[in-house]
Amino acid sequence: MSKQALAQAMDFDSPYVSHMESGRHKPGGDFARLADEALNAGKAIWPALGNHEQAGTKETR
């Protein structure tokens, strides 16, 4: 599915979806839920969001 088609299915602007995909903006729960529904991902996106948040809080040495 193209970013434009995904954005339309989620009722978001395509630049917003692009920002989420590139990591310029942190996706929220609503974004994950809507993306999961639009992509028929079987609720795989929500756990990925949690992994994304955990990765951002790890300390690097």
C-alpha atoms as a PDB file:
ATOM      1  CA  MET A   1       0.000   0.000   0.000  1.00  0.00           C
ATOM      2  CA  SER A   2       1.360   3.424  -0.864  1.00  0.00           C
ATOM      3  CA  LYS A   3       1.820   6.096   1.794  1.00  0.00           C
ATOM      4  CA  GLN A   4      -0.894   8.133   0.115  1.00  0.00           C
ATOM      5  CA  ALA A   5      -3.354   5.218   0.164  1.00  0.00           C
ATOM      6  CA  LEU A   6      -2.481   4.448   3.790  1.00  0.00           C
ATOM      7  CA  ALA A   7      -2.912   8.077   4.795  1.00  0.00           C
ATOM      8  CA  GLN A   8      -6.278   8.196   3.073  1.00  0.00           C
ATOM      9  CA  ALA A   9      -7.410   4.959   4.758  1.00  0.00           C
ATOM     10  CA  MET A  10      -6.350   6.357   8.143  1.00  0.00           C
ATOM     11  CA  ASP A  11      -7.795   9.836   7.467  1.00  0.00           C
ATOM     12  CA  PHE A  12      -4.386  11.487   7.838  1.00  0.00           C
ATOM     13  CA  ASP A  13      -2.360  13.650   5.459  1.00  0.00           C
ATOM     14  CA  SER A  14       0.307  11.724   3.546  1.00  0.00           C
ATOM     15  CA  PRO A  15       3.147  13.989   4.824  1.00  0.00           C
ATOM     16  CA  TYR A  16       2.144  13.051   8.404  1.00  0.00           C
ATOM     17  CA  VAL A  17       2.390   9.340   7.553  1.00  0.00           C
ATOM     18  CA  SER A  18       5.762  10.007   5.938  1.00  0.00           C
ATOM     19  CA  HIS A  19       6.996  11.731   9.113  1.00  0.00           C
ATOM     20  CA  MET A  20       5.931   8.711  11.177  1.00  0.00           C
ATOM     21  CA  GLU A  21       7.615   6.301   8.794  1.00  0.00           C
ATOM     22  CA  SER A  22      10.881   8.226   8.791  1.00  0.00           C
ATOM     23  CA  GLY A  23      10.935   8.621  12.574  1.00  0.00           C
ATOM     24  CA  ARG A  24      10.735  12.422  12.541  1.00  0.00           C
ATOM     25  CA  HIS A  25       7.628  12.217  14.733  1.00  0.00           C
ATOM     26  CA  LYS A  26       6.809   9.707  17.441  1.00  0.00           C
ATOM     27  CA  PRO A  27       3.696   7.673  16.576  1.00  0.00           C
ATOM     28  CA  GLY A  28       0.949   7.558  19.154  1.00  0.00           C
ATOM     29  CA  GLY A  29      -1.480   4.825  20.067  1.00  0.00           C
ATOM     30  CA  ASP A  30      -4.192   6.129  17.751  1.00  0.00           C
ATOM     31  CA  PHE A  31      -1.791   6.122  14.829  1.00  0.00           C
ATOM     32  CA  ALA A  32      -0.739   2.540  15.581  1.00  0.00           C
ATOM     33  CA  ARG A  33      -4.331   1.361  15.941  1.00  0.00           C
ATOM     34  CA  LEU A  34      -5.474   3.013  12.717  1.00  0.00           C
ATOM     35  CA  ALA A  35      -2.420   1.782  10.788  1.00  0.00           C
ATOM     36  CA  ASP A  36      -2.995  -1.732  12.084  1.00  0.00           C
ATOM     37  CA  GLU A  37      -6.620  -1.645  10.930  1.00  0.00           C
ATOM     38  CA  ALA A  38      -5.815  -0.090   7.541  1.00  0.00           C
ATOM     39  CA  LEU A  39      -3.030  -2.585   6.840  1.00  0.00           C
ATOM     40  CA  ASN A  40      -4.863  -5.616   8.265  1.00  0.00           C
ATOM     41  CA  ALA A  41      -1.738  -6.274  10.326  1.00  0.00           C
ATOM     42  CA  GLY A  42      -3.394  -8.469  12.946  1.00  0.00           C
ATOM     43  CA  LYS A  43      -2.432  -6.124  15.788  1.00  0.00           C
ATOM     44  CA  ALA A  44       1.290  -6.423  15.000  1.00  0.00           C
ATOM     45  CA  ILE A  45       1.848  -2.675  14.842  1.00  0.00           C
ATOM     46  CA  TRP A  46       0.895  -1.924  18.460  1.00  0.00           C
ATOM     47  CA  PRO A  47       3.710  -4.110  19.919  1.00  0.00           C
ATOM     48  CA  ALA A  48       6.123  -2.556  17.422  1.00  0.00           C
ATOM     49  CA  LEU A  49       5.175   0.854  18.804  1.00  0.00           C
ATOM     50  CA  GLY A  50       6.066  -0.374  22.287  1.00  0.00           C
ATOM     51  CA  ASN A  51       9.427  -1.618  21.004  1.00  0.00           C
ATOM     52  CA  HIS A  52       9.978   1.767  19.354  1.00  0.00           C
ATOM     53  CA  GLU A  53       9.304   3.553  22.655  1.00  0.00           C
ATOM     54  CA  GLN A  54      11.591   1.201  24.612  1.00  0.00           C
ATOM     55  CA  ALA A  55      14.382   1.677  22.102  1.00  0.00           C
ATOM     56  CA  GLY A  56      14.166   5.428  22.592  1.00  0.00           C
ATOM     57  CA  THR A  57      14.609   5.158  26.363  1.00  0.00           C
ATOM     58  CA  LYS A  58      17.639   2.864  26.443  1.00  0.00           C
ATOM     59  CA  GLU A  59      20.903   4.388  27.554  1.00  0.00           C
ATOM     60  CA  THR A  60      23.886   4.040  25.264  1.00  0.00           C
ATOM     61  CA  ARG A  61      27.437   3.712  26.549  1.00  0.00           C
END
